[in-house]
Amino acid sequence: MIRPASSVIRYAGFFRLAKVQRVLDYGTGLLRNALYLTQQGFEVYAADVPEQVKALAAHPQAARLAGLLTVGELAKAGLCVDLVLCTFVFNILATRTLKKQYLENVVANLRLGGLFLVEVNSRHDDMACGSVFPRYYNCDGNAKSYSHDELDRQLAPFGFQRICHYYSSHALAALYRLTG
């Protein structure tokens, strides 16, 4: 099995303590986080773009999931999950419209008081714009990396309040609660 995101491994114990049962892995990719959490005893739904969902339907372990949905199905799915995972997906949403749609789908499927784990490429505030790493560091409106303050500003209008975060050498993982 492909190794799950470090934030998912790090917070799995906390999720159990917080009585998380139902999880949506939104932007599931190759199911690395979804299958890991399924093995840990969580009921996991996985969602991605239609082409990826079609490919994942043939995955030998897909039947272990509570459900496999396309992004288009999420607006009306009403899953009422305890936790939504977003690992390295927010970085690739190129427009404000896509980010807004993504966050609306998160809110539509997360119960009030539920948790939202976001892991993204991080940017250190002391790094100058115009880096030689434009793929990871970009200073225009479509930044592909974030600080925790930038994430807070984007998520607050949707009712999210950060409860904790940490930085690794290349990533930021922040855990939010949906407060309404």
Protein backbone atom coordinates (compact mmCIF):
# COMPACT_ATOMS: atom_id res chain seq x y z
CA MET A 1 0.00 0.00 0.00
CA ILE A 2 1.14 3.54 -0.76
CA ARG A 3 2.05 5.48 2.38
CA PRO A 4 -0.73 7.81 3.59
CA ALA A 5 -0.15 11.52 4.14
CA SER A 6 1.90 12.24 7.24
CA SER A 7 -0.89 14.39 8.71
CA VAL A 8 -3.37 11.51 8.44
CA ILE A 9 -0.99 9.19 10.28
CA ARG A 10 -0.20 11.85 12.86
CA TYR A 11 -3.84 12.67 13.64
CA ALA A 12 -5.40 9.18 13.38
CA GLY A 13 -5.22 8.68 17.15
CA PHE A 14 -6.75 12.09 17.76
CA PHE A 15 -9.58 11.26 15.34
CA ARG A 16 -10.43 8.21 17.45
CA LEU A 17 -10.36 10.28 20.66
CA ALA A 18 -12.62 12.87 18.98
CA LYS A 19 -15.06 10.03 18.18
CA VAL A 20 -14.70 10.40 14.43
CA GLN A 21 -16.45 7.54 12.68
CA ARG A 22 -17.35 8.70 9.17
CA VAL A 23 -14.70 10.25 6.90
CA LEU A 24 -14.74 11.81 3.43
CA ASP A 25 -11.40 11.71 1.60
CA TYR A 26 -12.06 14.50 -0.89
CA GLY A 27 -9.53 14.30 -3.71
CA THR A 28 -8.67 10.72 -2.83
CA GLY A 29 -6.15 10.16 -5.64
CA LEU A 30 -4.89 6.59 -5.28
CA LEU A 31 -6.90 5.85 -2.08
CA ARG A 32 -3.80 6.00 0.12
CA ASN A 33 -5.52 7.89 2.97
CA ALA A 34 -8.91 6.25 2.48
CA LEU A 35 -7.57 2.71 2.71
CA TYR A 36 -5.31 3.55 5.66
CA LEU A 37 -8.23 4.97 7.65
CA THR A 38 -10.44 2.04 6.64
CA GLN A 39 -7.78 -0.27 8.11
CA GLN A 40 -7.89 1.86 11.26
CA GLY A 41 -11.61 1.15 11.63
CA PHE A 42 -13.15 4.31 10.15
CA GLU A 43 -16.05 4.31 7.67
CA VAL A 44 -14.56 6.10 4.66
CA TYR A 45 -16.09 7.67 1.58
CA ALA A 46 -13.74 8.65 -1.23
CA ALA A 47 -14.38 11.35 -3.84
CA ASP A 48 -12.49 12.56 -6.88
CA VAL A 49 -12.97 13.71 -10.47
CA PRO A 50 -15.05 11.33 -12.65
CA GLU A 51 -12.08 9.91 -14.58
CA GLN A 52 -10.29 9.02 -11.35
CA VAL A 53 -13.41 7.51 -9.77
CA LYS A 54 -13.90 5.33 -12.85
CA ALA A 55 -10.32 4.06 -12.53
CA LEU A 56 -10.65 3.54 -8.77
CA ALA A 57 -13.84 1.52 -9.14
CA ALA A 58 -11.64 -1.31 -10.47
CA HIS A 59 -9.25 -1.06 -7.50
CA PRO A 60 -9.16 -4.42 -5.68
CA GLN A 61 -9.83 -2.78 -2.31
CA ALA A 62 -12.50 -0.27 -3.43
CA ALA A 63 -15.24 -2.50 -1.99
CA ARG A 64 -13.89 -1.76 1.52
CA LEU A 65 -14.99 1.86 1.16
CA ALA A 66 -18.38 3.10 2.36
CA GLY A 67 -18.75 4.80 -1.00
CA LEU A 68 -16.93 6.14 -4.04
CA LEU A 69 -18.32 9.41 -5.40
CA THR A 70 -17.54 11.88 -8.12
CA VAL A 71 -17.00 15.53 -7.25
CA GLY A 72 -20.27 16.35 -9.05
CA GLU A 73 -22.24 14.10 -6.69
CA LEU A 74 -20.98 15.77 -3.52
CA ALA A 75 -23.18 18.88 -3.60
CA LYS A 76 -26.27 16.74 -2.98
CA ALA A 77 -24.75 13.73 -1.21
CA GLY A 78 -25.36 15.02 2.35
CA LEU A 79 -22.95 12.51 3.87
CA CYS A 80 -22.85 14.20 7.30
CA VAL A 81 -19.33 12.94 7.98
CA ASP A 82 -17.29 13.69 11.09
CA LEU A 83 -14.11 14.46 9.16
CA VAL A 84 -13.13 15.62 5.67
CA LEU A 85 -9.56 15.10 4.45
CA CYS A 86 -7.93 17.44 1.97
CA THR A 87 -4.33 16.39 1.43
CA PHE A 88 -2.46 18.32 -1.25
CA VAL A 89 -5.65 19.06 -3.18
CA PHE A 90 -6.17 22.70 -2.23
CA ASN A 91 -2.81 23.52 -3.87
CA ILE A 92 -3.97 22.38 -7.29
CA LEU A 93 -7.28 24.23 -7.37
CA ALA A 94 -6.27 26.99 -9.78
CA THR A 95 -9.15 29.46 -9.44
CA ARG A 96 -11.17 31.05 -6.68
CA THR A 97 -14.29 29.55 -8.22
CA LEU A 98 -12.89 26.01 -7.92
CA LYS A 99 -11.77 26.65 -4.33
CA LYS A 100 -15.21 28.03 -3.46
CA GLN A 101 -16.95 25.01 -5.02
CA TYR A 102 -14.58 22.67 -3.18
CA LEU A 103 -15.25 24.31 0.19
CA GLU A 104 -19.02 24.41 -0.43
CA ASN A 105 -18.89 20.64 -1.06
CA VAL A 106 -16.94 20.16 2.17
CA VAL A 107 -19.54 22.12 4.16
CA ALA A 108 -22.41 20.28 2.45
CA ASN A 109 -21.03 16.92 3.64
CA LEU A 110 -19.51 17.75 7.04
CA ARG A 111 -21.64 17.76 10.17
CA LEU A 112 -21.66 20.89 12.31
CA GLY A 113 -18.74 20.59 14.73
CA GLY A 114 -16.98 18.20 12.35
CA LEU A 115 -13.28 18.34 11.52
CA PHE A 116 -11.54 19.39 8.32
CA LEU A 117 -7.89 18.38 7.86
CA VAL A 118 -6.06 20.38 5.20
CA GLU A 119 -2.49 19.54 4.21
CA VAL A 120 -0.83 21.78 1.62
CA ASN A 121 2.56 22.77 0.33
CA SER A 122 3.78 25.43 2.72
CA ARG A 123 5.39 28.74 2.11
CA HIS A 124 7.55 30.42 4.66
CA ASP A 125 6.68 34.10 5.05
CA ASP A 126 10.35 35.07 4.90
CA MET A 127 10.68 33.66 1.38
CA ALA A 128 10.76 36.34 -1.28
CA CYS A 129 8.33 36.27 -4.20
CA GLY A 130 9.79 35.31 -7.54
CA SER A 131 11.40 32.15 -6.19
CA VAL A 132 13.29 29.82 -8.50
CA PHE A 133 10.63 27.24 -7.50
CA PRO A 134 7.56 28.70 -9.26
CA ARG A 135 5.76 25.37 -9.13
CA TYR A 136 5.72 25.51 -5.34
CA TYR A 137 6.04 29.20 -4.56
CA ASN A 138 3.93 31.69 -6.40
CA CYS A 139 2.96 35.16 -5.27
CA ASP A 140 0.00 35.82 -7.52
CA GLY A 141 -3.66 35.26 -6.64
CA ASN A 142 -3.39 31.56 -7.50
CA ALA A 143 -0.73 30.69 -4.94
CA LYS A 144 0.17 27.03 -4.86
CA SER A 145 1.53 27.18 -1.33
CA TYR A 146 0.10 28.56 1.89
CA SER A 147 0.80 29.72 5.40
CA HIS A 148 -1.66 28.89 8.18
CA ASP A 149 -2.84 32.52 8.23
CA GLU A 150 -3.64 32.39 4.51
CA LEU A 151 -5.63 29.19 4.97
CA ASP A 152 -7.48 30.74 7.91
CA ARG A 153 -8.53 33.70 5.75
CA GLN A 154 -9.82 31.43 2.98
CA LEU A 155 -11.68 29.03 5.28
CA ALA A 156 -13.19 31.43 7.84
CA PRO A 157 -16.01 32.64 5.52
CA PHE A 158 -17.19 29.02 5.28
CA GLY A 159 -17.46 28.67 9.06
CA PHE A 160 -14.12 26.99 9.81
CA GLN A 161 -12.06 27.75 12.88
CA ARG A 162 -8.51 26.41 13.13
CA ILE A 163 -7.86 24.30 16.21
CA CYS A 164 -4.23 23.35 15.53
CA HIS A 165 -1.55 23.20 12.85
CA TYR A 166 2.03 22.15 12.25
CA TYR A 167 4.70 22.68 9.63
CA SER A 168 7.05 20.04 8.26
CA SER A 169 9.95 20.67 5.90
CA HIS A 170 7.64 21.11 2.90
CA ALA A 171 4.07 21.04 4.15
CA LEU A 172 1.54 22.66 6.41
CA ALA A 173 -1.19 20.58 8.03
CA ALA A 174 -4.03 22.44 9.70
CA LEU A 175 -7.04 21.00 11.49
CA TYR A 176 -10.27 23.00 11.50
CA ARG A 177 -13.68 22.65 13.11
CA LEU A 178 -16.90 23.62 11.30
CA THR A 179 -18.55 26.10 13.63
CA GLY A 180 -21.34 27.27 11.35
